[in-house]
C-alpha atoms as a PDB file:
ATOM      1  CA  MET A   1       6.498 -26.002  53.816  1.00  0.00           C
ATOM      2  CA  SER A   2       9.458 -26.203  51.440  1.00  0.00           C
ATOM      3  CA  ASP A   3       7.483 -28.578  49.204  1.00  0.00           C
ATOM      4  CA  PHE A   4       4.800 -25.960  48.740  1.00  0.00           C
ATOM      5  CA  LEU A   5       7.428 -23.333  47.871  1.00  0.00           C
ATOM      6  CA  VAL A   6       8.870 -25.636  45.206  1.00  0.00           C
ATOM      7  CA  LEU A   7       5.373 -26.280  43.878  1.00  0.00           C
ATOM      8  CA  ALA A   8       4.655 -22.545  43.745  1.00  0.00           C
ATOM      9  CA  GLY A   9       7.941 -21.947  41.963  1.00  0.00           C
ATOM     10  CA  LEU A  10       7.139 -24.591  39.388  1.00  0.00           C
ATOM     11  CA  VAL A  11       3.718 -22.998  38.827  1.00  0.00           C
ATOM     12  CA  VAL A  12       5.420 -19.654  38.187  1.00  0.00           C
ATOM     13  CA  VAL A  13       7.821 -21.284  35.711  1.00  0.00           C
ATOM     14  CA  VAL A  14       5.071 -23.103  33.824  1.00  0.00           C
ATOM     15  CA  VAL A  15       2.654 -20.154  33.710  1.00  0.00           C
ATOM     16  CA  GLY A  16       5.445 -17.655  32.967  1.00  0.00           C
ATOM     17  CA  GLY A  17       6.877 -19.759  30.150  1.00  0.00           C
ATOM     18  CA  SER A  18       3.440 -20.264  28.642  1.00  0.00           C
ATOM     19  CA  GLY A  19       2.655 -16.559  28.914  1.00  0.00           C
ATOM     20  CA  LEU A  20       5.978 -15.573  27.362  1.00  0.00           C
ATOM     21  CA  CYS A  21       5.456 -17.858  24.374  1.00  0.00           C
ATOM     22  CA  SER A  22       1.870 -16.653  23.905  1.00  0.00           C
ATOM     23  CA  GLY A  23       2.839 -12.976  24.115  1.00  0.00           C
ATOM     24  CA  VAL A  24       5.725 -13.294  21.670  1.00  0.00           C
ATOM     25  CA  GLU A  25       3.570 -15.269  19.262  1.00  0.00           C
ATOM     26  CA  ALA A  26       0.847 -12.603  19.331  1.00  0.00           C
ATOM     27  CA  ALA A  27       3.420  -9.822  18.884  1.00  0.00           C
ATOM     28  CA  LEU A  28       5.055 -11.466  15.863  1.00  0.00           C
ATOM     29  CA  LEU A  29       1.681 -12.032  14.248  1.00  0.00           C
ATOM     30  CA  THR A  30       0.521  -8.472  14.948  1.00  0.00           C
ATOM     31  CA  VAL A  31       3.556  -6.390  14.041  1.00  0.00           C
ATOM     32  CA  ASN A  32       3.080  -4.833  10.620  1.00  0.00           C
ATOM     33  CA  PRO A  33       5.576  -6.022   7.971  1.00  0.00           C
ATOM     34  CA  LEU A  34       5.590  -2.508   6.502  1.00  0.00           C
ATOM     35  CA  LYS A  35       6.529  -1.129   9.909  1.00  0.00           C
ATOM     36  CA  VAL A  36       9.356  -3.647  10.169  1.00  0.00           C
ATOM     37  CA  HIS A  37      10.564  -2.731   6.675  1.00  0.00           C
ATOM     38  CA  ASP A  38      10.564   0.950   7.649  1.00  0.00           C
ATOM     39  CA  MET A  39      12.527   0.236  10.852  1.00  0.00           C
ATOM     40  CA  VAL A  40      15.128  -1.684   8.859  1.00  0.00           C
ATOM     41  CA  ALA A  41      15.509   1.299   6.527  1.00  0.00           C
ATOM     42  CA  LYS A  42      15.983   3.572   9.550  1.00  0.00           C
ATOM     43  CA  GLY A  43      18.564   1.257  11.103  1.00  0.00           C
ATOM     44  CA  VAL A  44      16.598   0.396  14.253  1.00  0.00           C
ATOM     45  CA  PRO A  45      18.570  -2.165  16.329  1.00  0.00           C
ATOM     46  CA  GLY A  46      17.113  -5.645  16.007  1.00  0.00           C
ATOM     47  CA  ALA A  47      14.848  -4.700  13.082  1.00  0.00           C
ATOM     48  CA  LEU A  48      16.841  -6.681  10.519  1.00  0.00           C
ATOM     49  CA  LEU A  49      16.676  -9.834  12.630  1.00  0.00           C
ATOM     50  CA  LEU A  50      12.957  -9.287  13.147  1.00  0.00           C
ATOM     51  CA  GLN A  51      12.489  -8.930   9.398  1.00  0.00           C
ATOM     52  CA  ARG A  52      14.206 -12.283   8.860  1.00  0.00           C
ATOM     53  CA  LEU A  53      11.943 -13.913  11.436  1.00  0.00           C
ATOM     54  CA  LYS A  54       8.873 -12.409   9.731  1.00  0.00           C
ATOM     55  CA  GLY A  55      10.137 -13.823   6.447  1.00  0.00           C
ATOM     56  CA  ARG A  56      10.097 -17.362   7.891  1.00  0.00           C
ATOM     57  CA  LEU A  57       7.034 -16.879  10.077  1.00  0.00           C
ATOM     58  CA  PRO A  58       5.606 -20.445   9.728  1.00  0.00           C
ATOM     59  CA  ARG A  59       8.856 -21.923  11.046  1.00  0.00           C
ATOM     60  CA  VAL A  60       9.023 -19.393  13.907  1.00  0.00           C
ATOM     61  CA  LEU A  61       5.412 -20.036  14.903  1.00  0.00           C
ATOM     62  CA  ALA A  62       6.032 -23.780  14.891  1.00  0.00           C
ATOM     63  CA  VAL A  63       8.843 -23.333  17.423  1.00  0.00           C
ATOM     64  CA  LEU A  64       6.736 -21.082  19.645  1.00  0.00           C
ATOM     65  CA  VAL A  65       3.746 -23.409  19.517  1.00  0.00           C
ATOM     66  CA  ILE A  66       5.926 -26.376  20.464  1.00  0.00           C
ATOM     67  CA  ALA A  67       7.442 -24.474  23.388  1.00  0.00           C
ATOM     68  CA  ASN A  68       4.042 -23.186  24.503  1.00  0.00           C
ATOM     69  CA  ASN A  69       2.516 -26.659  24.500  1.00  0.00           C
ATOM     70  CA  LEU A  70       5.469 -28.070  26.414  1.00  0.00           C
ATOM     71  CA  PHE A  71       4.694 -25.590  29.166  1.00  0.00           C
ATOM     72  CA  ASN A  72       0.918 -26.027  28.971  1.00  0.00           C
ATOM     73  CA  ILE A  73       0.606 -29.793  28.543  1.00  0.00           C
ATOM     74  CA  PHE A  74       3.784 -31.404  29.779  1.00  0.00           C
ATOM     75  CA  GLY A  75       4.315 -28.798  32.497  1.00  0.00           C
ATOM     76  CA  SER A  76       0.734 -29.121  33.740  1.00  0.00           C
ATOM     77  CA  LEU A  77       0.996 -32.915  33.868  1.00  0.00           C
ATOM     78  CA  MET A  78       4.234 -32.720  35.833  1.00  0.00           C
ATOM     79  CA  LEU A  79       2.728 -30.153  38.177  1.00  0.00           C
ATOM     80  CA  GLY A  80      -0.303 -32.340  38.731  1.00  0.00           C
ATOM     81  CA  GLY A  81       1.859 -35.350  39.584  1.00  0.00           C
ATOM     82  CA  TYR A  82       4.125 -33.380  41.875  1.00  0.00           C
ATOM     83  CA  ALA A  83       1.140 -31.696  43.568  1.00  0.00           C
ATOM     84  CA  ALA A  84      -0.401 -35.094  44.276  1.00  0.00           C
ATOM     85  CA  VAL A  85       2.796 -36.223  45.999  1.00  0.00           C
ATOM     86  CA  VAL A  86       3.061 -32.985  48.011  1.00  0.00           C
ATOM     87  CA  PHE A  87      -0.556 -33.091  49.141  1.00  0.00           C
ATOM     88  CA  LYS A  88      -0.237 -36.779  50.090  1.00  0.00           C
ATOM     89  CA  ASN A  89       2.905 -36.146  52.140  1.00  0.00           C
ATOM     90  CA  ASN A  90       1.133 -33.345  53.979  1.00  0.00           C
ATOM     91  CA  ASN A  91      -1.968 -35.439  54.656  1.00  0.00           C
ATOM     92  CA  LEU A  92      -4.225 -33.365  52.393  1.00  0.00           C
ATOM     93  CA  GLY A  93      -7.159 -35.086  50.776  1.00  0.00           C
ATOM     94  CA  GLY A  94      -8.232 -35.363  47.163  1.00  0.00           C
ATOM     95  CA  GLU A  95     -10.280 -32.181  47.517  1.00  0.00           C
ATOM     96  CA  ALA A  96      -7.066 -30.123  47.703  1.00  0.00           C
ATOM     97  CA  LEU A  97      -5.742 -31.678  44.507  1.00  0.00           C
ATOM     98  CA  THR A  98      -9.056 -30.965  42.760  1.00  0.00           C
ATOM     99  CA  ILE A  99      -8.994 -27.331  43.866  1.00  0.00           C
ATOM    100  CA  PHE A 100      -5.341 -27.047  42.764  1.00  0.00           C
ATOM    101  CA  SER A 101      -6.196 -28.460  39.322  1.00  0.00           C
ATOM    102  CA  PHE A 102      -9.065 -25.992  38.799  1.00  0.00           C
ATOM    103  CA  ALA A 103      -6.951 -23.094  40.050  1.00  0.00           C
ATOM    104  CA  LEU A 104      -3.999 -24.041  37.814  1.00  0.00           C
ATOM    105  CA  THR A 105      -6.272 -24.295  34.777  1.00  0.00           C
ATOM    106  CA  PHE A 106      -7.732 -20.847  35.486  1.00  0.00           C
ATOM    107  CA  VAL A 107      -4.294 -19.300  36.020  1.00  0.00           C
ATOM    108  CA  VAL A 108      -2.883 -20.841  32.822  1.00  0.00           C
ATOM    109  CA  ILE A 109      -5.837 -19.590  30.767  1.00  0.00           C
ATOM    110  CA  LEU A 110      -5.724 -16.101  32.258  1.00  0.00           C
ATOM    111  CA  LEU A 111      -2.006 -15.458  32.803  1.00  0.00           C
ATOM    112  CA  GLY A 112      -0.636 -17.903  30.256  1.00  0.00           C
ATOM    113  CA  GLU A 113      -2.881 -17.106  27.311  1.00  0.00           C
ATOM    114  CA  ILE A 114      -5.371 -14.234  27.494  1.00  0.00           C
ATOM    115  CA  LEU A 115      -3.332 -11.511  29.217  1.00  0.00           C
ATOM    116  CA  PRO A 116      -0.014 -12.186  27.407  1.00  0.00           C
ATOM    117  CA  LYS A 117      -1.681 -12.191  24.002  1.00  0.00           C
ATOM    118  CA  ALA A 118      -3.472  -8.949  24.801  1.00  0.00           C
ATOM    119  CA  LEU A 119      -0.181  -7.336  25.842  1.00  0.00           C
ATOM    120  CA  GLY A 120       1.627  -8.818  22.849  1.00  0.00           C
ATOM    121  CA  THR A 121      -0.949  -7.369  20.488  1.00  0.00           C
ATOM    122  CA  ARG A 122      -0.843  -3.942  22.113  1.00  0.00           C
ATOM    123  CA  MET A 123       2.955  -3.689  22.344  1.00  0.00           C
ATOM    124  CA  ALA A 124       3.790  -5.743  19.274  1.00  0.00           C
ATOM    125  CA  VAL A 125       6.735  -3.690  17.991  1.00  0.00           C
ATOM    126  CA  GLY A 126       8.578  -3.386  21.291  1.00  0.00           C
ATOM    127  CA  ILE A 127       8.077  -7.014  22.320  1.00  0.00           C
ATOM    128  CA  SER A 128       9.069  -8.301  18.878  1.00  0.00           C
ATOM    129  CA  LEU A 129      12.312  -6.308  18.851  1.00  0.00           C
ATOM    130  CA  VAL A 130      13.283  -7.307  22.392  1.00  0.00           C
ATOM    131  CA  THR A 131      12.541 -11.013  21.996  1.00  0.00           C
ATOM    132  CA  ALA A 132      13.840 -11.411  18.419  1.00  0.00           C
ATOM    133  CA  PRO A 133      17.328 -12.666  19.489  1.00  0.00           C
ATOM    134  CA  ALA A 134      15.850 -15.256  21.875  1.00  0.00           C
ATOM    135  CA  VAL A 135      13.353 -16.442  19.240  1.00  0.00           C
ATOM    136  CA  ALA A 136      16.126 -16.708  16.651  1.00  0.00           C
ATOM    137  CA  LEU A 137      18.131 -18.827  19.110  1.00  0.00           C
ATOM    138  CA  MET A 138      15.116 -21.077  19.731  1.00  0.00           C
ATOM    139  CA  VAL A 139      14.662 -21.546  15.986  1.00  0.00           C
ATOM    140  CA  ARG A 140      18.342 -22.426  15.610  1.00  0.00           C
ATOM    141  CA  LEU A 141      18.242 -24.941  18.460  1.00  0.00           C
ATOM    142  CA  GLY A 142      15.007 -26.451  17.209  1.00  0.00           C
ATOM    143  CA  THR A 143      16.212 -26.809  13.620  1.00  0.00           C
ATOM    144  CA  PRO A 144      16.443 -30.648  13.668  1.00  0.00           C
ATOM    145  CA  LEU A 145      12.859 -30.980  14.904  1.00  0.00           C
ATOM    146  CA  ILE A 146      11.645 -28.316  12.467  1.00  0.00           C
ATOM    147  CA  LEU A 147      13.316 -30.034   9.519  1.00  0.00           C
ATOM    148  CA  LEU A 148      11.546 -33.232  10.489  1.00  0.00           C
ATOM    149  CA  LEU A 149       8.214 -31.423  10.682  1.00  0.00           C
ATOM    150  CA  GLU A 150       8.837 -29.715   7.325  1.00  0.00           C
ATOM    151  CA  THR A 151       9.127 -33.070   5.600  1.00  0.00           C
ATOM    152  CA  VAL A 152       5.660 -33.925   6.926  1.00  0.00           C
ATOM    153  CA  MET A 153       4.157 -30.449   6.522  1.00  0.00           C
ATOM    154  CA  PRO A 154       5.770 -28.580   3.578  1.00  0.00           C
ATOM    155  CA  ALA A 155       3.747 -25.470   4.457  1.00  0.00           C
ATOM    156  CA  LEU A 156       6.326 -24.697   7.155  1.00  0.00           C
ATOM    157  CA  THR A 157       8.918 -23.983   4.458  1.00  0.00           C
ATOM    158  CA  ALA A 158       6.856 -21.197   2.925  1.00  0.00           C
ATOM    159  CA  GLU A 159       8.406 -17.753   3.078  1.00  0.00           C
ATOM    160  CA  SER A 160       6.368 -14.639   3.798  1.00  0.00           C
ATOM    161  CA  GLU A 161       6.901 -11.892   1.241  1.00  0.00           C
ATOM    162  CA  LEU A 162       6.076  -8.231   1.686  1.00  0.00           C
ATOM    163  CA  THR A 163       3.346  -7.802  -0.910  1.00  0.00           C
ATOM    164  CA  THR A 164       0.155  -5.812  -1.312  1.00  0.00           C
ATOM    165  CA  ASP A 165      -2.380  -4.898  -3.985  1.00  0.00           C
ATOM    166  CA  GLU A 166      -4.583  -1.988  -4.992  1.00  0.00           C
ATOM    167  CA  GLU A 167      -7.586  -3.138  -2.996  1.00  0.00           C
ATOM    168  CA  GLU A 168      -5.565  -3.489   0.197  1.00  0.00           C
ATOM    169  CA  ILE A 169      -3.989  -0.044  -0.195  1.00  0.00           C
ATOM    170  CA  ARG A 170      -7.406   1.519  -0.802  1.00  0.00           C
ATOM    171  CA  LEU A 171      -8.782  -0.236   2.261  1.00  0.00           C
ATOM    172  CA  LEU A 172      -5.862   0.923   4.422  1.00  0.00           C
ATOM    173  CA  ALA A 173      -6.287   4.484   3.172  1.00  0.00           C
ATOM    174  CA  ARG A 174     -10.011   4.395   3.929  1.00  0.00           C
ATOM    175  CA  LEU A 175      -9.447   2.960   7.400  1.00  0.00           C
ATOM    176  CA  GLY A 176      -6.709   5.508   8.077  1.00  0.00           C
ATOM    177  CA  SER A 177      -9.080   8.298   7.094  1.00  0.00           C
ATOM    178  CA  GLN A 178     -11.848   6.941   9.319  1.00  0.00           C
ATOM    179  CA  LYS A 179      -9.426   6.733  12.251  1.00  0.00           C
ATOM    180  CA  GLY A 180      -8.170  10.257  11.604  1.00  0.00           C
ATOM    181  CA  LEU A 181      -4.617   9.078  10.896  1.00  0.00           C
ATOM    182  CA  ILE A 182      -4.612  10.589   7.400  1.00  0.00           C
ATOM    183  CA  GLU A 183      -6.663  13.373   5.869  1.00  0.00           C
ATOM    184  CA  ALA A 184      -9.839  12.501   3.993  1.00  0.00           C
ATOM    185  CA  ASP A 185      -8.633  14.292   0.850  1.00  0.00           C
ATOM    186  CA  GLU A 186      -5.378  12.310   0.964  1.00  0.00           C
ATOM    187  CA  ALA A 187      -7.287   9.035   1.113  1.00  0.00           C
ATOM    188  CA  ALA A 188      -9.479  10.165  -1.775  1.00  0.00           C
ATOM    189  CA  MET A 189      -6.433  11.089  -3.867  1.00  0.00           C
ATOM    190  CA  ILE A 190      -4.848   7.679  -3.213  1.00  0.00           C
ATOM    191  CA  ALA A 191      -7.981   6.050  -4.606  1.00  0.00           C
ATOM    192  CA  LYS A 192      -7.899   8.357  -7.642  1.00  0.00           C
ATOM    193  CA  VAL A 193      -4.281   7.412  -8.390  1.00  0.00           C
ATOM    194  CA  PHE A 194      -5.405   3.842  -8.985  1.00  0.00           C
ATOM    195  CA  GLN A 195      -8.283   5.145 -11.090  1.00  0.00           C
ATOM    196  CA  LEU A 196      -5.746   6.424 -13.623  1.00  0.00           C
ATOM    197  CA  ASN A 197      -4.947   2.845 -14.556  1.00  0.00           C
ATOM    198  CA  ASP A 198      -8.574   2.328 -15.595  1.00  0.00           C
ATOM    199  CA  LEU A 199      -8.830   5.457 -17.771  1.00  0.00           C
ATOM    200  CA  THR A 200      -7.460   6.091 -21.239  1.00  0.00           C
ATOM    201  CA  ALA A 201      -6.687   9.181 -23.289  1.00  0.00           C
ATOM    202  CA  ARG A 202     -10.002   8.632 -25.061  1.00  0.00           C
ATOM    203  CA  ASP A 203     -11.855   9.069 -21.756  1.00  0.00           C
ATOM    204  CA  LEU A 204     -10.080  12.322 -20.843  1.00  0.00           C
ATOM    205  CA  MET A 205      -9.355  14.014 -24.175  1.00  0.00           C
ATOM    206  CA  LEU A 206     -11.121  16.974 -25.683  1.00  0.00           C
ATOM    207  CA  PRO A 207     -12.848  15.415 -28.727  1.00  0.00           C
ATOM    208  CA  ARG A 208     -11.928  16.630 -32.176  1.00  0.00           C
ATOM    209  CA  VAL A 209     -15.290  18.294 -32.695  1.00  0.00           C
ATOM    210  CA  SER A 210     -14.612  20.441 -29.607  1.00  0.00           C
ATOM    211  CA  ALA A 211     -10.848  20.835 -29.951  1.00  0.00           C
ATOM    212  CA  PRO A 212      -9.819  24.346 -31.110  1.00  0.00           C
ATOM    213  CA  SER A 213      -8.129  24.168 -34.499  1.00  0.00           C
ATOM    214  CA  LEU A 214      -6.788  26.624 -37.055  1.00  0.00           C
ATOM    215  CA  ASN A 215      -5.909  26.420 -40.715  1.00  0.00           C
ATOM    216  CA  GLY A 216      -2.140  26.435 -40.813  1.00  0.00           C
ATOM    217  CA  HIS A 217      -2.038  28.384 -44.099  1.00  0.00           C
ATOM    218  CA  CYS A 218      -4.078  31.308 -42.775  1.00  0.00           C
ATOM    219  CA  ARG A 219      -2.309  34.470 -41.704  1.00  0.00           C
ATOM    220  CA  ILE A 220      -2.509  35.489 -38.056  1.00  0.00           C
ATOM    221  CA  GLU A 221      -4.200  38.739 -39.063  1.00  0.00           C
ATOM    222  CA  GLU A 222      -7.037  36.747 -40.621  1.00  0.00           C
ATOM    223  CA  LEU A 223      -7.462  34.781 -37.388  1.00  0.00           C
ATOM    224  CA  ARG A 224      -7.563  37.862 -35.128  1.00  0.00           C
ATOM    225  CA  ASP A 225     -11.287  37.654 -34.341  1.00  0.00           C
ATOM    226  CA  ILE A 226     -11.142  33.925 -33.552  1.00  0.00           C
ATOM    227  CA  LEU A 227      -8.155  34.344 -31.253  1.00  0.00           C
ATOM    228  CA  LEU A 228      -9.743  37.239 -29.399  1.00  0.00           C
ATOM    229  CA  SER A 229     -13.154  35.618 -29.013  1.00  0.00           C
ATOM    230  CA  GLN A 230     -12.005  32.185 -27.873  1.00  0.00           C
ATOM    231  CA  GLU A 231      -9.750  31.681 -24.870  1.00  0.00           C
ATOM    232  CA  SER A 232      -8.447  28.205 -25.617  1.00  0.00           C
ATOM    233  CA  PRO A 233      -4.807  28.058 -24.459  1.00  0.00           C
ATOM    234  CA  TRP A 234      -3.818  25.666 -27.252  1.00  0.00           C
ATOM    235  CA  TRP A 235      -4.762  25.431 -30.914  1.00  0.00           C
ATOM    236  CA  VAL A 236      -4.228  22.494 -33.223  1.00  0.00           C
ATOM    237  CA  ILE A 237      -2.751  23.685 -36.517  1.00  0.00           C
ATOM    238  CA  LEU A 238      -4.152  21.715 -39.455  1.00  0.00           C
ATOM    239  CA  GLY A 239      -2.939  21.387 -43.018  1.00  0.00           C
ATOM    240  CA  GLU A 240      -4.894  20.905 -46.210  1.00  0.00           C
ATOM    241  CA  GLU A 241      -5.750  17.281 -45.482  1.00  0.00           C
ATOM    242  CA  VAL A 242      -8.461  16.438 -42.953  1.00  0.00           C
ATOM    243  CA  ASP A 243      -6.129  14.640 -40.559  1.00  0.00           C
ATOM    244  CA  GLU A 244      -2.948  16.530 -41.378  1.00  0.00           C
ATOM    245  CA  VAL A 245      -1.767  17.963 -38.056  1.00  0.00           C
ATOM    246  CA  LEU A 246       1.109  20.375 -38.564  1.00  0.00           C
ATOM    247  CA  GLY A 247       1.624  21.110 -34.880  1.00  0.00           C
ATOM    248  CA  VAL A 248       0.154  23.075 -32.001  1.00  0.00           C
ATOM    249  CA  ALA A 249       0.356  26.747 -31.169  1.00  0.00           C
ATOM    250  CA  SER A 250      -0.351  28.541 -27.932  1.00  0.00           C
ATOM    251  CA  ARG A 251      -2.804  31.402 -27.904  1.00  0.00           C
ATOM    252  CA  ASN A 252      -0.233  33.556 -26.130  1.00  0.00           C
ATOM    253  CA  ASP A 253       2.318  33.092 -28.931  1.00  0.00           C
ATOM    254  CA  LEU A 254      -0.242  33.884 -31.615  1.00  0.00           C
ATOM    255  CA  LEU A 255      -1.467  37.041 -29.871  1.00  0.00           C
ATOM    256  CA  THR A 256       2.110  38.099 -29.167  1.00  0.00           C
ATOM    257  CA  ALA A 257       2.849  37.820 -32.884  1.00  0.00           C
ATOM    258  CA  LEU A 258      -0.112  40.121 -33.613  1.00  0.00           C
ATOM    259  CA  LEU A 259       1.105  42.724 -31.124  1.00  0.00           C
ATOM    260  CA  GLN A 260       4.600  42.584 -32.613  1.00  0.00           C
ATOM    261  CA  GLY A 261       3.246  43.340 -36.078  1.00  0.00           C
ATOM    262  CA  ARG A 262       3.783  39.874 -37.492  1.00  0.00           C
ATOM    263  CA  GLY A 263       0.214  39.485 -38.685  1.00  0.00           C
ATOM    264  CA  ASN A 264       1.336  38.212 -42.086  1.00  0.00           C
ATOM    265  CA  ALA A 265       2.943  35.138 -40.526  1.00  0.00           C
ATOM    266  CA  THR A 266       1.008  31.939 -41.007  1.00  0.00           C
ATOM    267  CA  ALA A 267      -0.289  29.886 -38.109  1.00  0.00           C
ATOM    268  CA  ALA A 268       1.861  26.958 -39.276  1.00  0.00           C
ATOM    269  CA  SER A 269       5.037  29.053 -38.987  1.00  0.00           C
ATOM    270  CA  LEU A 270       4.265  29.792 -35.370  1.00  0.00           C
ATOM    271  CA  SER A 271       3.325  26.231 -34.458  1.00  0.00           C
ATOM    272  CA  LYS A 272       5.484  23.791 -32.542  1.00  0.00           C
ATOM    273  CA  PRO A 273       5.948  20.067 -33.049  1.00  0.00           C
ATOM    274  CA  VAL A 274       3.635  17.929 -31.019  1.00  0.00           C
ATOM    275  CA  GLU A 275       3.706  14.352 -29.820  1.00  0.00           C
ATOM    276  CA  PHE A 276       0.979  11.971 -30.948  1.00  0.00           C
ATOM    277  CA  VAL A 277      -0.468   9.432 -28.538  1.00  0.00           C
ATOM    278  CA  PRO A 278      -2.898   6.563 -29.201  1.00  0.00           C
ATOM    279  CA  GLU A 279      -6.382   7.014 -27.829  1.00  0.00           C
ATOM    280  CA  MET A 280      -6.141   3.784 -25.799  1.00  0.00           C
ATOM    281  CA  ILE A 281      -3.016   4.762 -23.848  1.00  0.00           C
ATOM    282  CA  ARG A 282      -3.624   4.531 -20.085  1.00  0.00           C
ATOM    283  CA  ALA A 283      -3.829   7.756 -18.165  1.00  0.00           C
ATOM    284  CA  ASP A 284      -1.048   6.787 -15.750  1.00  0.00           C
ATOM    285  CA  ARG A 285       1.388   6.200 -18.615  1.00  0.00           C
ATOM    286  CA  LEU A 286       0.247   9.391 -20.248  1.00  0.00           C
ATOM    287  CA  LEU A 287       0.921  11.365 -17.085  1.00  0.00           C
ATOM    288  CA  THR A 288       4.504  10.105 -16.875  1.00  0.00           C
ATOM    289  CA  SER A 289       5.076  11.153 -20.476  1.00  0.00           C
ATOM    290  CA  PHE A 290       4.540  14.792 -19.637  1.00  0.00           C
ATOM    291  CA  ARG A 291       7.727  16.440 -18.596  1.00  0.00           C
ATOM    292  CA  ARG A 292       7.159  18.205 -15.288  1.00  0.00           C
ATOM    293  CA  ARG A 293       9.001  21.443 -15.986  1.00  0.00           C
ATOM    294  CA  SER A 294       7.688  21.746 -19.521  1.00  0.00           C
ATOM    295  CA  ALA A 295       4.099  21.253 -18.418  1.00  0.00           C
ATOM    296  CA  LEU A 296       4.377  23.999 -15.849  1.00  0.00           C
ATOM    297  CA  MET A 297       5.969  26.336 -18.369  1.00  0.00           C
ATOM    298  CA  TRP A 298       3.085  25.839 -20.838  1.00  0.00           C
ATOM    299  CA  SER A 299       5.299  24.475 -23.588  1.00  0.00           C
ATOM    300  CA  SER A 300       4.138  22.202 -26.390  1.00  0.00           C
ATOM    301  CA  ASP A 301       5.149  19.239 -24.241  1.00  0.00           C
ATOM    302  CA  SER A 302       2.144  19.899 -22.014  1.00  0.00           C
ATOM    303  CA  VAL A 303      -0.326  18.790 -24.712  1.00  0.00           C
ATOM    304  CA  ARG A 304      -0.699  15.706 -26.869  1.00  0.00           C
ATOM    305  CA  VAL A 305      -2.649  15.100 -30.055  1.00  0.00           C
ATOM    306  CA  VAL A 306      -4.694  11.910 -29.731  1.00  0.00           C
ATOM    307  CA  VAL A 307      -4.986   9.626 -32.756  1.00  0.00           C
ATOM    308  CA  ASP A 308      -6.935   6.429 -33.392  1.00  0.00           C
ATOM    309  CA  GLU A 309      -5.596   3.110 -34.672  1.00  0.00           C
ATOM    310  CA  PHE A 310      -5.534   4.503 -38.223  1.00  0.00           C
ATOM    311  CA  GLY A 311      -3.536   7.590 -37.238  1.00  0.00           C
ATOM    312  CA  ALA A 312      -6.510   9.925 -37.608  1.00  0.00           C
ATOM    313  CA  PHE A 313      -6.743  12.999 -35.376  1.00  0.00           C
ATOM    314  CA  VAL A 314      -9.492  12.351 -32.795  1.00  0.00           C
ATOM    315  CA  GLY A 315      -8.784  14.729 -29.930  1.00  0.00           C
ATOM    316  CA  LEU A 316      -6.490  16.882 -27.828  1.00  0.00           C
ATOM    317  CA  ILE A 317      -5.329  16.211 -24.271  1.00  0.00           C
ATOM    318  CA  GLY A 318      -3.175  18.138 -21.835  1.00  0.00           C
ATOM    319  CA  ALA A 319      -1.500  17.384 -18.533  1.00  0.00           C
ATOM    320  CA  ASP A 320      -4.243  19.334 -16.792  1.00  0.00           C
ATOM    321  CA  ALA A 321      -6.833  16.764 -17.938  1.00  0.00           C
ATOM    322  CA  VAL A 322      -4.964  13.944 -16.217  1.00  0.00           C
ATOM    323  CA  LEU A 323      -4.285  16.010 -13.095  1.00  0.00           C
ATOM    324  CA  ALA A 324      -7.994  16.840 -12.933  1.00  0.00           C
ATOM    325  CA  VAL A 325      -8.669  13.179 -12.181  1.00  0.00           C
ATOM    326  CA  LEU A 326      -6.360  13.314  -9.160  1.00  0.00           C
ATOM    327  CA  ALA A 327      -7.917  16.568  -8.002  1.00  0.00           C
ATOM    328  CA  GLY A 328     -11.415  15.112  -8.295  1.00  0.00           C
ATOM    329  CA  TRP A 329     -12.566  17.617 -10.923  1.00  0.00           C
ATOM    330  CA  TRP A 330     -13.049  15.101 -13.723  1.00  0.00           C
ATOM    331  CA  ARG A 331     -16.389  13.368 -14.155  1.00  0.00           C
ATOM    332  CA  PRO A 332     -17.238  10.655 -16.693  1.00  0.00           C
ATOM    333  CA  ARG A 333     -19.069  11.973 -19.735  1.00  0.00           C
ATOM    334  CA  SER A 334     -21.890   9.504 -19.108  1.00  0.00           C
ATOM    335  CA  ASN A 335     -22.528  11.159 -15.742  1.00  0.00           C
ATOM    336  CA  GLU A 336     -22.554  14.574 -17.383  1.00  0.00           C
ATOM    337  CA  VAL A 337     -25.116  13.456 -19.939  1.00  0.00           C
ATOM    338  CA  THR A 338     -27.282  11.916 -17.239  1.00  0.00           C
ATOM    339  CA  ALA A 339     -27.126  15.104 -15.220  1.00  0.00           C
ATOM    340  CA  LYS A 340     -28.379  17.093 -18.186  1.00  0.00           C
END
């Protein structure tokens, strides 16, 4: 009877070792590198060691695969040999050994592979953190064998870096929205942030033919009717030359000057310096050029005069035009024409 207890104990060791290796392997493959990076930033115990293991994942997986196969192949062969001796000593026929072999195969597949990997995938973070010290020790002890394997298979020396791209972030945002983990409008805004990189000031600007402009040498009193009839918040102040931009003036400042009895002042005297931007500047760079406080306070820093490669005035753009893309209000002009 003691022989059968030893055999049962060996089965538990072989199946348990195989299951442990399979579960840890699945957990390390499943745990999100971004999650690990966040845990390291929060100071979670064991997270830093786990991050190092994730950085050398090919080497770690090689150790786990070797250990798993030792349990599955070598352990099964030893169990089969020992079971044959036990059954022979207890006068059991070959049928018992056949049944034992089928049963051991089923148990190894179920409890040594399928179930542990399912649990490792489901509880990836917890299992990875708990087993990280043991895995690190296995890697250290198996270094001589790993170095030998790395000379044959250089792929084991590759390091895993935490990288991503626009397409992956968009996909994650879309999946998160579908799962209800993030709001739909948040996912849409994430996609629009990347759209800024594909748009230029030329796409978003108010063209010159539509941009409100005033003759800088005209007195405010002479421009009263224009200022009262048009509600454009900003006016481009032009000089005598076609492309001579003297500055920009806000409608509020011009109307305030009228109310204060300064109607004889010229539009140029009430204008403010403006920054010129090329028409091909990307929208994301343009957005960072607007100073946050100034834009909210409606200063001259909230608008830019757009010029072409020859320095000619071609349009006017404000921070609101770029923010409209993020809010989803902006539509390509081609779509607008088609709609008409």
